[in-house]
Amino acid sequence: MIVVVVIFFGFILVGVPIGYVLGIAGISGLIQIGGDNFLGMAAKRFFEGLNLFTFMAMPFFILAGEIMNRSGITGRLIEFAESLVGYLRGGLAHSNMVASVMFAGMTGAAVSDAAAFGNTLVPAMVKKGYSRPFSCAVTAAGSIIGPTIPPSNLMVIYGSLMGVSIAGLFAAGILPGLLIALICMAVIAGLGRRLGLPKSENGPSLRRIMAAFRSSFLAILMPVIILGGILSGIVTPTEAAAIAVFYALIVGGFIYRALSMNDILEMLIRTAQITGIVFLIIASASILGWWMTFMQIPQAIAAWFLSVSDNPNVIIGLILLLLLLVGMFMDINAALIILAPVLAPLTLTIGMDPVQAGIMIVLALNISLMTPPVGACLFVLASVTGERIELISKALIPFLIAEVAILIIVAFWPGLTLFIPRLLGL
């Protein structure tokens, strides 16, 4: 066991990609417990780790996000969001949050949100007088709304691995995602005067709102189609993802006329690259996960948690602390695949609903997307805008505190998370 732990953390420290680290550590564990005879299991586990129909939804949602960014759908959503809240002090920052909510209902990917708004809204905010670190911080804080409000790739992974209703997880993520947006907007409002955030000279305009709504109506309709189809049971998440791609192609290519064949080829290549990385992590983690199960590590961790305290609230607090710490140093897909089989049974032991537990775990890992040293959204924004990560991280502190507060509410208030699933009978 010590050999596997040393290999795992040693390779991470020297910068080996996490997909390779998981595979090498898992294979080392197989050799340790069974020698060469167990090596044949690696290929089987690698295949079985991906042999789930629901995983097909991920490349479709990724491609849908690429199409929306390239075709101008994202820009139209930003214009509509600005027409709604752009007149407030810090209007572009508020618009960033509102646009993140609308964008979340289409792709479910934080990195896509960060990349899209990093290229569009951050330069616009800087031009209007916002500091670049603050503009990046607002974008990073809003980006995690993407994988919280459905559809969410993390929820697809969690539901597939743990046998939890993906539709139920999608429904449960709506209120927490909206609360994140609202509390971040409250932070922006609170910082408005102290930071001297710009305020529009013009008040709200119904004419402008209606004009922006007409321009972006087809884009706004997309999350309605996706979520309505999934939550009503008409389509599965995988089918809804395929519909999202088809709809985005029709709107972006034939109605907005903003896509060329070269664009489509580039988007397919980028989707394959992103999907390949995620699927490598999932498949490799399944090898390490089997080794951990064989060595009864999940049971040992659960027993340690219960030895610390049998109070459910204390155990939930320890789970949150573990998730936030691990998320700071590990890719969230890998962290989810490794920790979910360990923590999900523990949450059942203390009487937590499986859907609430899933949202708690997913949200905690989402927050780690904007925490150094390996927060993916930080790196994306730093590379897109040229801003230093440490300056973005400093500006993020108020938003991080606010979002952790929402995480605590989600963890300790089942009624919030389960309200919509129960309402829909999921």
Protein backbone atom coordinates (compact mmCIF):
# COMPACT_ATOMS: atom_id res chain seq x y z
CA MET A 1 0.00 0.00 0.00
CA ILE A 2 2.83 2.39 0.87
CA VAL A 3 4.40 1.80 -2.56
CA VAL A 4 1.19 2.85 -4.34
CA VAL A 5 0.85 5.99 -2.18
CA VAL A 6 4.49 6.98 -2.84
CA ILE A 7 4.07 6.43 -6.60
CA PHE A 8 0.81 8.39 -6.66
CA PHE A 9 2.02 11.49 -4.84
CA GLY A 10 5.55 11.28 -6.24
CA PHE A 11 4.35 11.43 -9.85
CA ILE A 12 1.91 14.24 -9.03
CA LEU A 13 4.71 16.30 -7.47
CA VAL A 14 6.93 15.95 -10.56
CA GLY A 15 4.09 17.05 -12.82
CA VAL A 16 3.00 13.83 -14.53
CA PRO A 17 -0.55 14.23 -15.97
CA ILE A 18 -3.18 12.93 -13.55
CA GLY A 19 -4.58 10.39 -16.04
CA TYR A 20 -1.20 8.66 -16.26
CA VAL A 21 -0.65 8.92 -12.49
CA LEU A 22 -3.92 7.14 -11.74
CA GLY A 23 -3.19 4.35 -14.22
CA ILE A 24 0.39 3.79 -13.09
CA ALA A 25 -0.58 3.82 -9.41
CA GLY A 26 -3.47 1.43 -10.06
CA ILE A 27 -1.32 -1.02 -12.03
CA SER A 28 1.35 -0.85 -9.31
CA GLY A 29 -1.32 -1.81 -6.80
CA LEU A 30 -2.43 -4.77 -8.93
CA ILE A 31 1.16 -6.02 -9.18
CA GLN A 32 1.63 -5.58 -5.44
CA ILE A 33 -1.35 -7.76 -4.51
CA GLY A 34 -1.17 -10.40 -7.27
CA GLY A 35 1.99 -10.08 -9.30
CA ASP A 36 1.86 -10.51 -13.07
CA ASN A 37 -1.32 -12.60 -12.80
CA PHE A 38 -3.33 -9.50 -11.92
CA LEU A 39 -2.04 -7.36 -14.79
CA GLY A 40 -4.72 -8.75 -17.11
CA MET A 41 -7.31 -7.06 -14.93
CA ALA A 42 -5.99 -3.62 -15.82
CA ALA A 43 -7.30 -3.73 -19.39
CA LYS A 44 -10.65 -5.08 -18.22
CA ARG A 45 -11.06 -2.38 -15.58
CA PHE A 46 -9.95 0.28 -18.09
CA PHE A 47 -12.74 -0.78 -20.45
CA GLU A 48 -15.41 -1.27 -17.78
CA GLY A 49 -14.62 2.15 -16.31
CA LEU A 50 -15.97 3.72 -19.51
CA ASN A 51 -18.61 1.16 -20.43
CA LEU A 52 -21.56 3.24 -19.26
CA PHE A 53 -24.16 4.63 -21.66
CA THR A 54 -24.60 7.84 -19.68
CA PHE A 55 -20.95 8.80 -20.27
CA MET A 56 -21.86 9.45 -23.91
CA ALA A 57 -23.57 12.64 -22.75
CA MET A 58 -20.25 14.27 -21.87
CA PRO A 59 -18.74 14.72 -25.37
CA PHE A 60 -22.11 15.96 -26.66
CA PHE A 61 -22.40 18.63 -23.96
CA ILE A 62 -18.76 19.64 -24.53
CA LEU A 63 -19.39 19.96 -28.28
CA ALA A 64 -22.58 21.95 -27.67
CA GLY A 65 -20.57 24.42 -25.59
CA GLU A 66 -17.94 24.74 -28.32
CA ILE A 67 -20.63 25.45 -30.92
CA MET A 68 -22.24 28.13 -28.77
CA ASN A 69 -18.94 29.89 -28.15
CA ARG A 70 -17.99 29.82 -31.83
CA SER A 71 -21.39 30.74 -33.27
CA GLY A 72 -22.06 33.85 -31.20
CA ILE A 73 -24.81 32.32 -29.06
CA THR A 74 -22.76 33.15 -25.95
CA GLY A 75 -22.47 36.79 -27.02
CA ARG A 76 -26.23 37.11 -27.44
CA LEU A 77 -26.77 35.72 -23.94
CA ILE A 78 -24.34 38.28 -22.55
CA GLU A 79 -26.25 41.10 -24.29
CA PHE A 80 -29.53 39.89 -22.79
CA ALA A 81 -27.98 39.59 -19.32
CA GLU A 82 -26.59 43.13 -19.60
CA SER A 83 -30.00 44.48 -20.59
CA LEU A 84 -31.44 43.03 -17.37
CA VAL A 85 -28.86 44.14 -14.77
CA GLY A 86 -26.33 46.31 -16.62
CA TYR A 87 -27.74 49.52 -15.15
CA LEU A 88 -26.71 48.57 -11.59
CA ARG A 89 -23.43 49.66 -10.02
CA GLY A 90 -20.97 47.05 -11.23
CA GLY A 91 -23.45 46.26 -14.01
CA LEU A 92 -21.05 44.26 -16.19
CA ALA A 93 -20.04 42.17 -13.19
CA HIS A 94 -23.71 41.46 -12.44
CA SER A 95 -24.24 40.68 -16.13
CA ASN A 96 -21.38 38.19 -15.92
CA MET A 97 -23.23 36.28 -13.20
CA VAL A 98 -26.60 36.33 -14.97
CA ALA A 99 -24.98 35.18 -18.20
CA SER A 100 -23.25 32.37 -16.31
CA VAL A 101 -26.64 31.12 -15.12
CA MET A 102 -27.99 31.06 -18.68
CA PHE A 103 -24.82 29.54 -20.08
CA ALA A 104 -24.89 26.87 -17.35
CA GLY A 105 -28.22 25.56 -18.61
CA MET A 106 -26.58 24.60 -21.89
CA THR A 107 -23.12 23.14 -21.33
CA GLY A 108 -22.58 22.30 -17.66
CA ALA A 109 -18.84 23.00 -17.92
CA ALA A 110 -17.03 25.57 -15.80
CA VAL A 111 -13.93 25.70 -17.99
CA SER A 112 -16.03 26.50 -21.07
CA ASP A 113 -17.71 29.33 -19.17
CA ALA A 114 -14.35 30.69 -17.99
CA ALA A 115 -12.84 30.51 -21.47
CA ALA A 116 -15.85 32.08 -23.20
CA PHE A 117 -16.29 34.96 -20.76
CA GLY A 118 -12.54 35.38 -20.34
CA ASN A 119 -12.37 36.21 -24.05
CA THR A 120 -15.45 38.44 -24.11
CA LEU A 121 -16.57 39.88 -20.79
CA VAL A 122 -13.19 40.34 -19.10
CA PRO A 123 -11.84 42.67 -21.84
CA ALA A 124 -15.18 44.52 -21.87
CA MET A 125 -15.06 44.97 -18.09
CA VAL A 126 -11.46 46.21 -18.17
CA LYS A 127 -12.39 48.68 -20.91
CA LYS A 128 -15.21 50.02 -18.72
CA GLY A 129 -12.87 50.65 -15.78
CA TYR A 130 -12.88 47.39 -13.79
CA SER A 131 -9.51 46.04 -12.66
CA ARG A 132 -8.38 42.95 -14.55
CA PRO A 133 -7.94 40.79 -11.38
CA PHE A 134 -11.46 41.66 -10.22
CA SER A 135 -12.89 40.96 -13.69
CA CYS A 136 -11.18 37.57 -13.74
CA ALA A 137 -12.35 36.84 -10.18
CA VAL A 138 -15.98 37.56 -11.07
CA THR A 139 -15.70 35.30 -14.11
CA ALA A 140 -14.09 32.49 -12.10
CA ALA A 141 -16.72 32.76 -9.35
CA GLY A 142 -19.52 32.60 -11.90
CA SER A 143 -17.96 29.78 -13.87
CA ILE A 144 -18.68 27.14 -11.23
CA ILE A 145 -22.38 27.80 -11.69
CA GLY A 146 -21.96 25.85 -14.95
CA PRO A 147 -21.43 22.40 -13.43
CA THR A 148 -23.91 23.13 -10.59
CA ILE A 149 -26.99 24.12 -12.58
CA PRO A 150 -27.88 21.25 -14.93
CA PRO A 151 -26.77 19.83 -17.23
CA SER A 152 -23.54 18.98 -15.39
CA ASN A 153 -20.80 16.61 -16.52
CA LEU A 154 -19.79 15.97 -12.91
CA MET A 155 -23.35 14.96 -12.05
CA VAL A 156 -23.35 12.58 -15.02
CA ILE A 157 -20.17 10.95 -13.71
CA TYR A 158 -21.42 10.77 -10.12
CA GLY A 159 -24.85 9.43 -11.04
CA SER A 160 -23.35 6.82 -13.38
CA LEU A 161 -20.80 5.58 -10.84
CA MET A 162 -23.01 5.59 -7.76
CA GLY A 163 -26.33 4.54 -9.32
CA VAL A 164 -28.05 7.80 -8.35
CA SER A 165 -30.73 9.31 -10.60
CA ILE A 166 -29.03 11.80 -12.93
CA ALA A 167 -32.35 13.56 -13.50
CA GLY A 168 -32.71 13.85 -9.71
CA LEU A 169 -29.21 15.32 -9.41
CA PHE A 170 -29.96 17.76 -12.22
CA ALA A 171 -33.14 18.92 -10.50
CA ALA A 172 -31.37 19.21 -7.14
CA GLY A 173 -28.64 21.46 -8.58
CA ILE A 174 -30.99 24.22 -9.73
CA LEU A 175 -31.57 26.04 -6.43
CA PRO A 176 -27.94 25.84 -5.18
CA GLY A 177 -26.75 27.17 -8.55
CA LEU A 178 -29.17 30.09 -8.41
CA LEU A 179 -28.15 30.83 -4.82
CA ILE A 180 -24.50 30.97 -5.85
CA ALA A 181 -25.37 33.54 -8.51
CA LEU A 182 -27.40 35.62 -6.04
CA ILE A 183 -24.79 35.60 -3.28
CA CYS A 184 -22.05 36.52 -5.76
CA MET A 185 -24.18 39.41 -6.99
CA ALA A 186 -24.61 40.46 -3.34
CA VAL A 187 -20.81 40.43 -2.96
CA ILE A 188 -20.48 42.58 -6.09
CA ALA A 189 -23.07 45.03 -4.73
CA GLY A 190 -21.27 45.13 -1.38
CA LEU A 191 -17.92 45.85 -3.01
CA GLY A 192 -19.38 48.34 -5.48
CA ARG A 193 -18.74 51.61 -3.68
CA ARG A 194 -15.51 50.52 -1.95
CA LEU A 195 -13.92 49.48 -5.25
CA GLY A 196 -15.55 52.29 -7.20
CA LEU A 197 -17.22 49.96 -9.66
CA PRO A 198 -18.72 51.75 -12.68
CA LYS A 199 -22.42 52.52 -12.79
CA SER A 200 -24.40 53.10 -15.96
CA GLU A 201 -25.89 56.55 -16.43
CA ASN A 202 -28.99 55.01 -18.00
CA GLY A 203 -31.62 53.22 -15.96
CA PRO A 204 -33.43 50.00 -16.88
CA SER A 205 -35.02 50.05 -20.32
CA LEU A 206 -37.93 47.78 -21.20
CA ARG A 207 -37.34 48.48 -24.88
CA ARG A 208 -33.73 47.36 -24.61
CA ILE A 209 -34.70 44.25 -22.67
CA MET A 210 -37.27 43.26 -25.28
CA ALA A 211 -34.85 43.89 -28.14
CA ALA A 212 -32.16 41.77 -26.46
CA PHE A 213 -34.70 39.07 -25.66
CA ARG A 214 -35.79 38.84 -29.29
CA SER A 215 -32.18 38.68 -30.43
CA SER A 216 -31.28 35.91 -27.97
CA PHE A 217 -34.61 34.05 -27.84
CA LEU A 218 -33.36 30.99 -29.72
CA ALA A 219 -30.32 30.80 -27.43
CA ILE A 220 -32.46 31.13 -24.29
CA LEU A 221 -34.77 28.40 -25.57
CA MET A 222 -31.95 25.87 -25.55
CA PRO A 223 -31.75 25.22 -21.77
CA VAL A 224 -35.55 25.04 -21.68
CA ILE A 225 -35.47 22.24 -24.25
CA ILE A 226 -32.62 20.39 -22.53
CA LEU A 227 -33.87 20.61 -18.95
CA GLY A 228 -37.53 20.26 -19.87
CA GLY A 229 -36.82 17.08 -21.78
CA ILE A 230 -34.72 15.53 -19.02
CA LEU A 231 -36.83 16.51 -16.01
CA SER A 232 -40.08 15.52 -17.72
CA GLY A 233 -38.66 12.10 -18.55
CA ILE A 234 -39.13 12.53 -22.30
CA VAL A 235 -35.41 12.05 -23.00
CA THR A 236 -32.40 10.69 -21.14
CA PRO A 237 -29.45 12.99 -20.35
CA THR A 238 -27.51 11.38 -23.20
CA GLU A 239 -30.32 11.97 -25.68
CA ALA A 240 -30.74 15.54 -24.42
CA ALA A 241 -27.02 16.15 -24.99
CA ALA A 242 -27.31 14.95 -28.59
CA ILE A 243 -30.35 17.20 -29.08
CA ALA A 244 -28.34 20.14 -27.66
CA VAL A 245 -25.65 19.62 -30.32
CA PHE A 246 -28.22 19.37 -33.11
CA TYR A 247 -30.07 22.48 -31.90
CA ALA A 248 -26.84 24.49 -31.51
CA LEU A 249 -25.76 23.50 -35.03
CA ILE A 250 -29.10 24.53 -36.53
CA VAL A 251 -29.20 27.86 -34.68
CA GLY A 252 -25.52 28.72 -35.05
CA GLY A 253 -25.00 27.37 -38.55
CA PHE A 254 -28.25 27.94 -40.42
CA ILE A 255 -30.05 30.74 -38.55
CA TYR A 256 -27.15 32.89 -37.28
CA ARG A 257 -24.93 31.72 -40.19
CA ALA A 258 -21.83 31.96 -38.01
CA LEU A 259 -20.24 28.53 -38.59
CA SER A 260 -18.03 27.28 -41.39
CA MET A 261 -16.83 23.75 -42.15
CA ASN A 262 -13.40 24.68 -40.77
CA ASP A 263 -15.06 25.82 -37.53
CA ILE A 264 -16.90 22.52 -37.23
CA LEU A 265 -13.69 20.54 -37.83
CA GLU A 266 -11.82 22.56 -35.20
CA MET A 267 -14.67 22.10 -32.69
CA LEU A 268 -14.76 18.35 -33.27
CA ILE A 269 -10.99 18.12 -32.73
CA ARG A 270 -11.16 20.18 -29.53
CA THR A 271 -14.10 18.12 -28.26
CA ALA A 272 -12.16 14.91 -28.92
CA GLN A 273 -9.14 16.29 -27.06
CA ILE A 274 -11.14 17.36 -24.00
CA THR A 275 -13.19 14.15 -23.96
CA GLY A 276 -10.07 12.04 -24.35
CA ILE A 277 -8.47 13.64 -21.31
CA VAL A 278 -11.58 13.19 -19.15
CA PHE A 279 -12.15 9.60 -20.30
CA LEU A 280 -8.49 8.69 -19.67
CA ILE A 281 -8.86 9.96 -16.12
CA ILE A 282 -12.11 8.01 -15.59
CA ALA A 283 -10.73 4.77 -17.04
CA SER A 284 -7.43 4.99 -15.17
CA ALA A 285 -9.18 5.87 -11.93
CA SER A 286 -11.32 2.76 -12.22
CA ILE A 287 -8.15 0.63 -11.96
CA LEU A 288 -7.01 2.48 -8.85
CA GLY A 289 -10.55 2.36 -7.49
CA TRP A 290 -10.67 -1.43 -7.82
CA TRP A 291 -7.37 -1.70 -5.95
CA MET A 292 -8.68 0.57 -3.19
CA THR A 293 -11.82 -1.56 -2.87
CA PHE A 294 -9.76 -4.78 -2.74
CA MET A 295 -7.58 -3.28 0.00
CA GLN A 296 -10.75 -2.15 1.86
CA ILE A 297 -9.49 1.42 1.97
CA PRO A 298 -12.99 2.95 1.70
CA GLN A 299 -14.10 0.94 4.71
CA ALA A 300 -11.01 1.99 6.65
CA ILE A 301 -11.59 5.69 5.88
CA ALA A 302 -15.26 5.39 6.83
CA ALA A 303 -14.30 3.67 10.07
CA TRP A 304 -11.83 6.46 10.85
CA PHE A 305 -14.46 9.13 10.23
CA LEU A 306 -16.89 7.33 12.53
CA SER A 307 -14.19 6.88 15.18
CA VAL A 308 -13.68 10.64 15.30
CA SER A 309 -17.37 11.21 15.98
CA ASP A 310 -20.72 9.55 15.45
CA ASN A 311 -22.41 12.96 15.15
CA PRO A 312 -23.69 13.32 11.55
CA ASN A 313 -22.97 17.06 11.53
CA VAL A 314 -19.34 16.50 12.50
CA ILE A 315 -18.94 13.82 9.83
CA ILE A 316 -20.44 16.10 7.18
CA GLY A 317 -18.01 18.83 8.22
CA LEU A 318 -15.07 16.42 7.89
CA ILE A 319 -16.30 15.32 4.45
CA LEU A 320 -16.50 18.93 3.27
CA LEU A 321 -13.02 19.67 4.60
CA LEU A 322 -11.61 16.60 2.83
CA LEU A 323 -13.27 17.48 -0.47
CA LEU A 324 -12.11 21.09 -0.42
CA LEU A 325 -8.53 20.11 0.47
CA VAL A 326 -8.29 17.34 -2.13
CA GLY A 327 -9.84 19.58 -4.77
CA MET A 328 -7.04 22.09 -4.24
CA PHE A 329 -4.43 19.59 -5.43
CA MET A 330 -6.20 17.17 -7.79
CA ASP A 331 -8.23 17.29 -10.99
CA ILE A 332 -11.88 17.31 -9.92
CA ASN A 333 -12.87 14.46 -12.25
CA ALA A 334 -10.20 12.24 -10.71
CA ALA A 335 -11.09 13.40 -7.20
CA LEU A 336 -14.76 12.59 -7.79
CA ILE A 337 -14.06 9.12 -9.18
CA ILE A 338 -11.72 8.25 -6.31
CA LEU A 339 -13.63 9.81 -3.42
CA ALA A 340 -17.26 9.16 -4.40
CA PRO A 341 -17.12 5.39 -3.72
CA VAL A 342 -15.49 6.21 -0.37
CA LEU A 343 -17.74 9.03 0.79
CA ALA A 344 -21.13 8.08 -0.68
CA PRO A 345 -21.57 4.95 1.52
CA LEU A 346 -20.50 7.04 4.52
CA THR A 347 -23.21 9.62 3.81
CA LEU A 348 -25.77 6.80 3.64
CA THR A 349 -24.56 5.56 7.04
CA ILE A 350 -25.38 8.91 8.64
CA GLY A 351 -28.78 9.04 6.92
CA MET A 352 -28.11 11.60 4.17
CA ASP A 353 -30.24 11.36 1.04
CA PRO A 354 -28.16 10.06 -1.94
CA VAL A 355 -29.18 13.01 -4.13
CA GLN A 356 -28.30 15.58 -1.46
CA ALA A 357 -24.97 13.81 -0.86
CA GLY A 358 -24.24 13.90 -4.59
CA ILE A 359 -24.93 17.63 -4.86
CA MET A 360 -22.80 18.32 -1.78
CA ILE A 361 -19.85 16.39 -3.20
CA VAL A 362 -20.18 17.90 -6.67
CA LEU A 363 -20.52 21.47 -5.36
CA ALA A 364 -17.50 21.12 -3.06
CA LEU A 365 -15.36 19.95 -5.97
CA ASN A 366 -16.78 22.69 -8.20
CA ILE A 367 -15.57 25.31 -5.71
CA SER A 368 -12.07 23.83 -5.95
CA LEU A 369 -12.05 24.79 -9.65
CA MET A 370 -11.28 28.34 -8.54
CA THR A 371 -8.82 27.61 -5.71
CA PRO A 372 -5.05 27.49 -6.18
CA PRO A 373 -2.75 25.75 -6.80
CA VAL A 374 -4.50 23.65 -9.50
CA GLY A 375 -7.86 25.40 -9.99
CA ALA A 376 -8.61 24.82 -13.67
CA CYS A 377 -10.64 28.01 -14.09
CA LEU A 378 -7.79 30.08 -12.65
CA PHE A 379 -5.34 28.68 -15.19
CA VAL A 380 -7.78 29.20 -18.07
CA LEU A 381 -8.40 32.83 -17.13
CA ALA A 382 -4.71 33.49 -16.53
CA SER A 383 -3.83 32.11 -19.96
CA VAL A 384 -6.69 33.90 -21.75
CA THR A 385 -6.26 37.31 -20.10
CA GLY A 386 -2.55 37.32 -19.21
CA GLU A 387 -3.32 38.14 -15.55
CA ARG A 388 -1.27 36.60 -12.74
CA ILE A 389 -2.93 33.74 -10.84
CA GLU A 390 -2.00 35.14 -7.43
CA LEU A 391 -3.75 38.45 -8.17
CA ILE A 392 -6.88 36.65 -9.39
CA SER A 393 -6.82 34.43 -6.29
CA LYS A 394 -6.61 37.45 -3.98
CA ALA A 395 -9.58 39.12 -5.68
CA LEU A 396 -11.51 35.85 -5.42
CA ILE A 397 -11.44 35.66 -1.61
CA PRO A 398 -14.84 37.35 -0.95
CA PHE A 399 -16.52 35.20 -3.60
CA LEU A 400 -14.87 32.05 -2.28
CA ILE A 401 -16.12 32.74 1.26
CA ALA A 402 -19.64 33.36 -0.06
CA GLU A 403 -19.71 30.15 -2.13
CA VAL A 404 -18.39 28.04 0.75
CA ALA A 405 -21.29 29.46 2.80
CA ILE A 406 -23.70 28.16 0.14
CA LEU A 407 -21.94 24.77 0.26
CA ILE A 408 -22.51 24.60 4.02
CA ILE A 409 -26.20 25.42 3.55
CA VAL A 410 -26.51 22.68 0.92
CA ALA A 411 -24.77 20.17 3.19
CA PHE A 412 -26.87 20.84 6.29
CA TRP A 413 -30.27 21.79 4.82
CA PRO A 414 -31.77 18.86 2.89
CA GLY A 415 -34.96 20.77 2.13
CA LEU A 416 -33.14 23.20 -0.15
CA THR A 417 -31.52 20.56 -2.32
CA LEU A 418 -34.42 18.12 -2.41
CA PHE A 419 -37.27 20.61 -2.91
CA ILE A 420 -37.37 20.49 -6.71
CA PRO A 421 -36.66 16.72 -7.02
CA ARG A 422 -39.53 15.99 -4.63
CA LEU A 423 -41.76 18.44 -6.45
CA LEU A 424 -41.08 16.59 -9.71
CA GLY A 425 -41.34 13.15 -8.11
CA LEU A 426 -37.70 12.27 -8.86
